[in-house]
């Protein structure tokens, strides 16, 4: 994340700090989800995940004192995004219940090139060379982790 955002070239913004916190939070979420799958059902995990996200979403939406309701045209898209997010959480939780995070999360790495392509195609974002450097480092670290993990017997 530091390679892609390069906070040393410019002032560190709240967006950079938020991205760093999100990366750490996502890693912790995967670790804790893996631990939860040992004692809880996937349905239970998804239920509480959805409840927590709904509560925090309402708190965030109401911070200004007024919650703006979606328009009728936006509602189907919101439902589709919510359903897709729930299915994604189900798949990730199921994968983490079957395999260790060190195997599942490198596969999740495929999101980086997909999001880079979406950003370039839909939002006309330029593909900075540092994005490719960061992706190469992540890919190399994942590759080493997976190949080294095969040699170590636990």
N, C-alpha and C. Protein backbone atom coordinates (compact mmCIF):
# COMPACT_ATOMS: atom_id res chain seq x y z
N UNK A 1 0.83 -1.18 0.00
CA UNK A 1 0.00 0.00 0.00
C UNK A 1 0.88 1.25 0.00
N UNK A 2 1.97 1.19 0.73
CA UNK A 2 2.87 2.34 0.78
C UNK A 2 3.52 2.58 -0.59
N UNK A 3 3.86 1.50 -1.30
CA UNK A 3 4.48 1.64 -2.62
C UNK A 3 3.49 2.26 -3.60
N UNK A 4 2.25 1.83 -3.55
CA UNK A 4 1.25 2.33 -4.49
C UNK A 4 0.89 3.78 -4.18
N UNK A 5 0.71 4.13 -2.91
CA UNK A 5 0.29 5.49 -2.56
C UNK A 5 1.45 6.47 -2.45
N UNK A 6 2.67 5.97 -2.18
CA UNK A 6 3.87 6.79 -2.05
C UNK A 6 3.65 8.03 -1.18
N UNK A 7 3.32 7.83 0.09
CA UNK A 7 3.05 8.99 0.94
C UNK A 7 4.27 9.86 1.22
N UNK A 8 5.47 9.39 0.88
CA UNK A 8 6.67 10.17 1.16
C UNK A 8 6.91 11.23 0.10
N UNK A 9 6.24 11.11 -1.05
CA UNK A 9 6.40 12.10 -2.12
C UNK A 9 5.49 13.30 -1.90
N UNK A 10 4.46 13.13 -1.15
CA UNK A 10 3.50 14.22 -0.90
C UNK A 10 3.03 14.09 0.55
N UNK A 11 2.22 15.01 0.94
CA UNK A 11 1.69 14.98 2.30
C UNK A 11 0.81 13.75 2.49
N UNK A 12 0.89 13.17 3.67
CA UNK A 12 0.03 12.03 4.00
C UNK A 12 -1.37 12.57 4.22
N UNK A 13 -2.30 12.01 3.47
CA UNK A 13 -3.69 12.47 3.56
C UNK A 13 -4.51 11.52 4.42
N UNK A 14 -5.71 11.94 4.73
CA UNK A 14 -6.61 11.07 5.49
C UNK A 14 -6.97 9.84 4.64
N UNK A 15 -7.00 10.00 3.34
CA UNK A 15 -7.27 8.86 2.46
C UNK A 15 -6.19 7.80 2.55
N UNK A 16 -4.93 8.23 2.61
CA UNK A 16 -3.81 7.29 2.74
C UNK A 16 -3.88 6.57 4.08
N UNK A 17 -4.17 7.31 5.13
CA UNK A 17 -4.30 6.70 6.46
C UNK A 17 -5.47 5.73 6.48
N UNK A 18 -6.58 6.11 5.86
CA UNK A 18 -7.75 5.23 5.81
C UNK A 18 -7.44 3.95 5.04
N UNK A 19 -6.69 4.07 3.94
CA UNK A 19 -6.33 2.89 3.15
C UNK A 19 -5.42 1.96 3.95
N UNK A 20 -4.47 2.53 4.68
CA UNK A 20 -3.58 1.71 5.51
C UNK A 20 -4.36 0.99 6.61
N UNK A 21 -5.26 1.71 7.24
CA UNK A 21 -6.09 1.10 8.29
C UNK A 21 -7.01 0.02 7.71
N UNK A 22 -7.53 0.28 6.51
CA UNK A 22 -8.39 -0.71 5.87
C UNK A 22 -7.62 -1.98 5.53
N UNK A 23 -6.38 -1.84 5.08
CA UNK A 23 -5.56 -3.01 4.76
C UNK A 23 -5.29 -3.84 6.01
N UNK A 24 -4.93 -3.17 7.10
CA UNK A 24 -4.69 -3.89 8.36
C UNK A 24 -5.99 -4.51 8.86
N UNK A 25 -7.08 -3.76 8.78
CA UNK A 25 -8.37 -4.27 9.22
C UNK A 25 -8.82 -5.48 8.42
N UNK A 26 -8.59 -5.45 7.11
CA UNK A 26 -8.98 -6.59 6.27
C UNK A 26 -8.17 -7.83 6.63
N UNK A 27 -6.88 -7.64 6.89
CA UNK A 27 -6.03 -8.78 7.29
C UNK A 27 -6.51 -9.35 8.62
N UNK A 28 -6.78 -8.48 9.58
CA UNK A 28 -7.28 -8.95 10.88
C UNK A 28 -8.64 -9.63 10.74
N UNK A 29 -9.47 -9.10 9.86
CA UNK A 29 -10.78 -9.70 9.62
C UNK A 29 -10.64 -11.13 9.11
N UNK A 30 -9.72 -11.35 8.19
CA UNK A 30 -9.50 -12.70 7.65
C UNK A 30 -8.99 -13.65 8.74
N UNK A 31 -8.08 -13.16 9.56
CA UNK A 31 -7.54 -13.99 10.64
C UNK A 31 -8.62 -14.35 11.65
N UNK A 32 -9.40 -13.35 12.07
CA UNK A 32 -10.45 -13.62 13.05
C UNK A 32 -11.58 -14.46 12.47
N UNK A 33 -11.89 -14.26 11.19
CA UNK A 33 -12.91 -15.09 10.54
C UNK A 33 -12.48 -16.54 10.53
N UNK A 34 -11.22 -16.78 10.20
CA UNK A 34 -10.68 -18.15 10.21
C UNK A 34 -10.83 -18.77 11.59
N UNK A 35 -10.52 -18.01 12.63
CA UNK A 35 -10.65 -18.52 13.99
C UNK A 35 -12.11 -18.76 14.36
N UNK A 36 -13.00 -17.87 13.93
CA UNK A 36 -14.42 -18.04 14.23
C UNK A 36 -15.00 -19.29 13.57
N UNK A 37 -14.51 -19.64 12.37
CA UNK A 37 -15.08 -20.80 11.67
C UNK A 37 -14.81 -22.10 12.41
N UNK A 38 -13.89 -22.08 13.36
CA UNK A 38 -13.62 -23.28 14.15
C UNK A 38 -14.73 -23.56 15.16
N UNK A 39 -15.42 -22.50 15.61
CA UNK A 39 -16.43 -22.69 16.67
C UNK A 39 -17.83 -22.25 16.27
N UNK A 40 -17.96 -21.48 15.18
CA UNK A 40 -19.26 -20.93 14.78
C UNK A 40 -19.61 -21.38 13.37
N UNK A 41 -20.91 -21.43 13.09
CA UNK A 41 -21.34 -21.75 11.73
C UNK A 41 -21.17 -20.53 10.83
N UNK A 42 -21.10 -20.78 9.55
CA UNK A 42 -20.96 -19.69 8.59
C UNK A 42 -22.18 -18.78 8.64
N UNK A 43 -23.36 -19.36 8.83
CA UNK A 43 -24.60 -18.58 8.92
C UNK A 43 -24.54 -17.62 10.10
N UNK A 44 -24.05 -18.08 11.23
CA UNK A 44 -23.93 -17.24 12.43
C UNK A 44 -22.94 -16.10 12.18
N UNK A 45 -21.81 -16.41 11.57
CA UNK A 45 -20.81 -15.38 11.28
C UNK A 45 -21.38 -14.32 10.34
N UNK A 46 -22.06 -14.77 9.28
CA UNK A 46 -22.63 -13.82 8.32
C UNK A 46 -23.74 -12.99 8.93
N UNK A 47 -24.55 -13.59 9.82
CA UNK A 47 -25.62 -12.85 10.47
C UNK A 47 -25.05 -11.68 11.27
N UNK A 48 -24.09 -11.98 12.14
CA UNK A 48 -23.53 -10.92 12.98
C UNK A 48 -22.72 -9.92 12.16
N UNK A 49 -22.07 -10.37 11.11
CA UNK A 49 -21.37 -9.46 10.22
C UNK A 49 -22.34 -8.46 9.60
N UNK A 50 -23.47 -8.97 9.13
CA UNK A 50 -24.48 -8.12 8.49
C UNK A 50 -25.10 -7.16 9.50
N UNK A 51 -25.39 -7.64 10.69
CA UNK A 51 -25.96 -6.77 11.73
C UNK A 51 -24.97 -5.65 12.08
N UNK A 52 -23.70 -6.01 12.28
CA UNK A 52 -22.70 -5.00 12.63
C UNK A 52 -22.54 -3.97 11.51
N UNK A 53 -22.51 -4.43 10.26
CA UNK A 53 -22.36 -3.50 9.15
C UNK A 53 -23.58 -2.59 9.03
N UNK A 54 -24.77 -3.14 9.28
CA UNK A 54 -25.98 -2.32 9.22
C UNK A 54 -25.95 -1.24 10.30
N UNK A 55 -25.57 -1.62 11.51
CA UNK A 55 -25.51 -0.65 12.61
C UNK A 55 -24.48 0.43 12.32
N UNK A 56 -23.26 0.02 11.93
CA UNK A 56 -22.23 1.02 11.64
C UNK A 56 -22.59 1.86 10.42
N UNK A 57 -23.24 1.26 9.45
CA UNK A 57 -23.69 2.02 8.28
C UNK A 57 -24.72 3.08 8.64
N UNK A 58 -25.65 2.71 9.52
CA UNK A 58 -26.66 3.69 9.97
C UNK A 58 -26.01 4.80 10.81
N UNK A 59 -25.06 4.42 11.65
CA UNK A 59 -24.35 5.43 12.44
C UNK A 59 -23.61 6.39 11.51
N UNK A 60 -22.88 5.83 10.53
CA UNK A 60 -22.15 6.67 9.59
C UNK A 60 -23.07 7.53 8.74
N UNK A 61 -24.18 6.95 8.30
CA UNK A 61 -25.11 7.71 7.47
C UNK A 61 -25.80 8.82 8.26
N UNK A 62 -25.98 8.60 9.56
CA UNK A 62 -26.69 9.59 10.37
C UNK A 62 -25.78 10.57 11.08
N UNK A 63 -24.47 10.53 10.82
CA UNK A 63 -23.54 11.44 11.51
C UNK A 63 -23.90 12.91 11.30
N UNK A 64 -24.40 13.24 10.16
CA UNK A 64 -24.76 14.63 9.89
C UNK A 64 -26.12 15.00 10.44
N UNK A 65 -26.80 14.06 11.07
CA UNK A 65 -28.11 14.34 11.63
C UNK A 65 -29.26 14.06 10.69
N UNK A 66 -28.94 13.65 9.46
CA UNK A 66 -30.00 13.40 8.49
C UNK A 66 -29.59 12.23 7.61
N UNK A 67 -30.45 11.25 7.52
CA UNK A 67 -30.18 10.09 6.66
C UNK A 67 -30.90 10.31 5.33
N UNK A 68 -30.15 10.31 4.25
CA UNK A 68 -30.73 10.49 2.92
C UNK A 68 -31.15 9.11 2.39
N UNK A 69 -32.40 8.97 2.08
CA UNK A 69 -32.91 7.71 1.56
C UNK A 69 -32.60 7.60 0.07
N UNK A 70 -32.32 6.39 -0.41
CA UNK A 70 -31.98 6.25 -1.84
C UNK A 70 -33.20 6.49 -2.72
N UNK A 71 -32.92 6.92 -3.92
CA UNK A 71 -34.00 7.12 -4.89
C UNK A 71 -34.48 5.76 -5.38
N UNK A 72 -35.64 5.75 -6.00
CA UNK A 72 -36.20 4.50 -6.54
C UNK A 72 -35.29 3.91 -7.62
N UNK A 73 -34.63 4.76 -8.38
CA UNK A 73 -33.73 4.28 -9.42
C UNK A 73 -32.45 3.67 -8.86
N UNK A 74 -32.02 4.16 -7.71
CA UNK A 74 -30.78 3.64 -7.11
C UNK A 74 -31.02 2.38 -6.28
N UNK A 75 -32.26 2.17 -5.84
CA UNK A 75 -32.55 1.06 -4.94
C UNK A 75 -32.20 -0.32 -5.52
N UNK A 76 -32.53 -0.63 -6.79
CA UNK A 76 -32.13 -1.95 -7.32
C UNK A 76 -30.62 -2.15 -7.32
N UNK A 77 -29.86 -1.08 -7.60
CA UNK A 77 -28.40 -1.18 -7.59
C UNK A 77 -27.88 -1.41 -6.18
N UNK A 78 -28.47 -0.75 -5.22
CA UNK A 78 -28.07 -0.93 -3.82
C UNK A 78 -28.35 -2.36 -3.37
N UNK A 79 -29.50 -2.89 -3.76
CA UNK A 79 -29.85 -4.27 -3.41
C UNK A 79 -28.88 -5.24 -4.08
N UNK A 80 -28.55 -5.00 -5.35
CA UNK A 80 -27.61 -5.86 -6.07
C UNK A 80 -26.22 -5.83 -5.40
N UNK A 81 -25.75 -4.64 -5.06
CA UNK A 81 -24.44 -4.52 -4.41
C UNK A 81 -24.47 -5.20 -3.04
N UNK A 82 -25.54 -5.02 -2.29
CA UNK A 82 -25.65 -5.67 -0.98
C UNK A 82 -25.66 -7.19 -1.11
N UNK A 83 -26.41 -7.70 -2.08
CA UNK A 83 -26.47 -9.14 -2.30
C UNK A 83 -25.09 -9.67 -2.74
N UNK A 84 -24.43 -8.96 -3.63
CA UNK A 84 -23.11 -9.38 -4.09
C UNK A 84 -22.11 -9.37 -2.93
N UNK A 85 -22.18 -8.36 -2.07
CA UNK A 85 -21.30 -8.30 -0.91
C UNK A 85 -21.55 -9.45 0.05
N UNK A 86 -22.82 -9.78 0.28
CA UNK A 86 -23.15 -10.89 1.18
C UNK A 86 -22.67 -12.22 0.62
N UNK A 87 -22.86 -12.43 -0.68
CA UNK A 87 -22.38 -13.66 -1.32
C UNK A 87 -20.85 -13.74 -1.25
N UNK A 88 -20.19 -12.60 -1.47
CA UNK A 88 -18.73 -12.58 -1.39
C UNK A 88 -18.25 -12.94 0.00
N UNK A 89 -18.89 -12.38 1.02
CA UNK A 89 -18.54 -12.73 2.40
C UNK A 89 -18.78 -14.22 2.67
N UNK A 90 -19.87 -14.74 2.12
CA UNK A 90 -20.16 -16.17 2.29
C UNK A 90 -19.06 -17.02 1.67
N UNK A 91 -18.65 -16.68 0.45
CA UNK A 91 -17.60 -17.45 -0.22
C UNK A 91 -16.28 -17.35 0.53
N UNK A 92 -15.92 -16.13 0.95
CA UNK A 92 -14.66 -15.95 1.66
C UNK A 92 -14.67 -16.70 3.00
N UNK A 93 -15.78 -16.62 3.73
CA UNK A 93 -15.88 -17.32 5.00
C UNK A 93 -15.84 -18.82 4.80
N UNK A 94 -16.51 -19.31 3.77
CA UNK A 94 -16.47 -20.75 3.47
C UNK A 94 -15.05 -21.18 3.11
N UNK A 95 -14.39 -20.39 2.29
CA UNK A 95 -13.00 -20.72 1.92
C UNK A 95 -12.10 -20.73 3.14
N UNK A 96 -12.27 -19.75 4.04
CA UNK A 96 -11.44 -19.70 5.24
C UNK A 96 -11.75 -20.84 6.20
N UNK A 97 -12.97 -21.39 6.13
CA UNK A 97 -13.30 -22.53 6.98
C UNK A 97 -12.68 -23.83 6.46
N UNK A 98 -12.34 -23.83 5.17
CA UNK A 98 -11.79 -25.03 4.53
C UNK A 98 -10.26 -25.00 4.50
N UNK A 99 -9.71 -23.84 4.19
CA UNK A 99 -8.26 -23.73 3.99
C UNK A 99 -7.70 -22.60 4.85
N UNK A 100 -6.41 -22.66 5.16
CA UNK A 100 -5.80 -21.59 5.94
C UNK A 100 -5.78 -20.26 5.18
N UNK A 101 -5.73 -19.18 5.94
CA UNK A 101 -5.70 -17.84 5.33
C UNK A 101 -4.50 -17.66 4.42
N UNK A 102 -3.39 -18.34 4.71
CA UNK A 102 -2.20 -18.22 3.87
C UNK A 102 -2.42 -18.80 2.48
N UNK A 103 -3.44 -19.62 2.31
CA UNK A 103 -3.78 -20.16 0.98
C UNK A 103 -4.89 -19.32 0.35
N UNK A 104 -5.90 -18.94 1.15
CA UNK A 104 -7.07 -18.24 0.62
C UNK A 104 -6.74 -16.81 0.20
N UNK A 105 -6.02 -16.08 1.03
CA UNK A 105 -5.81 -14.66 0.78
C UNK A 105 -4.97 -14.37 -0.46
N UNK A 106 -3.96 -15.17 -0.80
CA UNK A 106 -3.27 -14.90 -2.07
C UNK A 106 -4.20 -15.01 -3.28
N UNK A 107 -5.18 -15.88 -3.22
CA UNK A 107 -6.14 -15.98 -4.32
C UNK A 107 -6.97 -14.70 -4.38
N UNK A 108 -7.26 -14.12 -3.22
CA UNK A 108 -8.00 -12.87 -3.15
C UNK A 108 -7.21 -11.72 -3.80
N UNK A 109 -5.91 -11.91 -3.98
CA UNK A 109 -5.04 -10.92 -4.60
C UNK A 109 -5.51 -10.56 -6.01
N UNK A 110 -6.26 -11.44 -6.66
CA UNK A 110 -6.72 -11.19 -8.03
C UNK A 110 -7.54 -9.90 -8.10
N UNK A 111 -8.03 -9.43 -6.94
CA UNK A 111 -8.80 -8.19 -6.95
C UNK A 111 -7.97 -7.00 -7.41
N UNK A 112 -6.68 -6.98 -7.14
CA UNK A 112 -5.84 -5.82 -7.51
C UNK A 112 -5.86 -5.55 -9.01
N UNK A 113 -5.54 -6.54 -9.87
CA UNK A 113 -5.59 -6.23 -11.30
C UNK A 113 -7.00 -5.95 -11.80
N UNK A 114 -8.00 -6.59 -11.20
CA UNK A 114 -9.38 -6.34 -11.63
C UNK A 114 -9.77 -4.90 -11.30
N UNK A 115 -9.47 -4.46 -10.07
CA UNK A 115 -9.81 -3.09 -9.68
C UNK A 115 -9.00 -2.08 -10.49
N UNK A 116 -7.75 -2.39 -10.79
CA UNK A 116 -6.95 -1.48 -11.62
C UNK A 116 -7.58 -1.34 -13.01
N UNK A 117 -8.06 -2.44 -13.57
CA UNK A 117 -8.71 -2.39 -14.88
C UNK A 117 -10.03 -1.61 -14.81
N UNK A 118 -10.80 -1.82 -13.75
CA UNK A 118 -12.06 -1.08 -13.57
C UNK A 118 -11.77 0.41 -13.43
N UNK A 119 -10.77 0.76 -12.62
CA UNK A 119 -10.42 2.17 -12.43
C UNK A 119 -9.99 2.81 -13.74
N UNK A 120 -9.22 2.08 -14.53
CA UNK A 120 -8.76 2.62 -15.82
C UNK A 120 -9.93 2.74 -16.80
N UNK A 121 -10.77 1.71 -16.85
CA UNK A 121 -11.85 1.69 -17.83
C UNK A 121 -13.02 2.60 -17.49
N UNK A 122 -13.48 2.56 -16.24
CA UNK A 122 -14.67 3.32 -15.87
C UNK A 122 -14.38 4.73 -15.39
N UNK A 123 -13.25 4.91 -14.73
CA UNK A 123 -12.96 6.20 -14.11
C UNK A 123 -11.80 6.95 -14.77
N UNK A 124 -11.28 6.40 -15.85
CA UNK A 124 -10.18 7.02 -16.60
C UNK A 124 -8.95 7.29 -15.71
N UNK A 125 -8.73 6.43 -14.72
CA UNK A 125 -7.53 6.53 -13.89
C UNK A 125 -6.34 5.99 -14.67
N UNK A 126 -5.21 6.67 -14.55
CA UNK A 126 -4.04 6.17 -15.24
C UNK A 126 -3.42 5.03 -14.43
N UNK A 127 -2.84 4.08 -15.13
CA UNK A 127 -2.17 2.97 -14.46
C UNK A 127 -0.72 3.37 -14.22
N UNK A 128 -0.47 3.84 -13.03
CA UNK A 128 0.86 4.28 -12.61
C UNK A 128 1.80 3.08 -12.54
N UNK A 129 3.05 3.23 -12.96
CA UNK A 129 4.00 2.11 -12.87
C UNK A 129 4.18 1.59 -11.45
N UNK A 130 4.01 2.45 -10.45
CA UNK A 130 4.16 2.00 -9.06
C UNK A 130 3.08 1.00 -8.65
N UNK A 131 1.93 1.06 -9.30
CA UNK A 131 0.89 0.06 -9.04
C UNK A 131 1.41 -1.32 -9.45
N UNK A 132 2.10 -1.36 -10.59
CA UNK A 132 2.64 -2.64 -11.06
C UNK A 132 3.80 -3.11 -10.18
N UNK A 133 4.60 -2.17 -9.67
CA UNK A 133 5.68 -2.54 -8.75
C UNK A 133 5.09 -3.14 -7.48
N UNK A 134 4.08 -2.48 -6.93
CA UNK A 134 3.42 -3.00 -5.74
C UNK A 134 2.78 -4.35 -5.98
N UNK A 135 2.14 -4.50 -7.13
CA UNK A 135 1.51 -5.78 -7.47
C UNK A 135 2.56 -6.88 -7.61
N UNK A 136 3.69 -6.55 -8.19
CA UNK A 136 4.77 -7.54 -8.34
C UNK A 136 5.30 -7.99 -6.99
N UNK A 137 5.47 -7.04 -6.08
CA UNK A 137 5.94 -7.39 -4.74
C UNK A 137 4.91 -8.27 -4.02
N UNK A 138 3.64 -7.90 -4.12
CA UNK A 138 2.58 -8.70 -3.48
C UNK A 138 2.55 -10.10 -4.09
N UNK A 139 2.61 -10.18 -5.42
CA UNK A 139 2.59 -11.48 -6.08
C UNK A 139 3.79 -12.31 -5.65
N UNK A 140 4.98 -11.70 -5.62
CA UNK A 140 6.19 -12.43 -5.20
C UNK A 140 6.10 -12.91 -3.77
N UNK A 141 5.59 -12.06 -2.88
CA UNK A 141 5.45 -12.46 -1.48
C UNK A 141 4.45 -13.60 -1.34
N UNK A 142 3.34 -13.52 -2.07
CA UNK A 142 2.36 -14.61 -2.04
C UNK A 142 2.94 -15.90 -2.59
N UNK A 143 3.69 -15.79 -3.67
CA UNK A 143 4.31 -16.97 -4.28
C UNK A 143 5.29 -17.62 -3.30
N UNK A 144 6.13 -16.80 -2.69
CA UNK A 144 7.08 -17.34 -1.71
C UNK A 144 6.36 -17.97 -0.52
N UNK A 145 5.30 -17.32 -0.07
CA UNK A 145 4.53 -17.84 1.05
C UNK A 145 3.92 -19.19 0.71
N UNK A 146 3.38 -19.31 -0.47
CA UNK A 146 2.75 -20.58 -0.86
C UNK A 146 3.78 -21.68 -1.10
N UNK A 147 4.88 -21.34 -1.75
CA UNK A 147 5.89 -22.38 -2.02
C UNK A 147 6.66 -22.75 -0.76
N UNK A 148 6.95 -21.77 0.08
CA UNK A 148 7.65 -22.05 1.33
C UNK A 148 6.75 -22.86 2.27
N UNK A 149 5.47 -22.54 2.26
CA UNK A 149 4.51 -23.26 3.12
C UNK A 149 4.40 -24.72 2.75
N UNK A 150 4.65 -25.07 1.48
CA UNK A 150 4.59 -26.46 1.05
C UNK A 150 5.76 -27.26 1.62
N UNK A 151 6.90 -26.60 1.84
CA UNK A 151 8.08 -27.29 2.33
C UNK A 151 8.08 -27.46 3.84
N UNK A 152 7.39 -26.59 4.55
CA UNK A 152 7.37 -26.64 6.01
C UNK A 152 6.25 -27.58 6.45
N UNK A 153 6.58 -28.56 7.25
CA UNK A 153 5.55 -29.47 7.75
C UNK A 153 5.20 -29.07 9.16
N UNK A 154 3.90 -28.86 9.36
CA UNK A 154 3.42 -28.44 10.67
C UNK A 154 2.85 -29.62 11.42
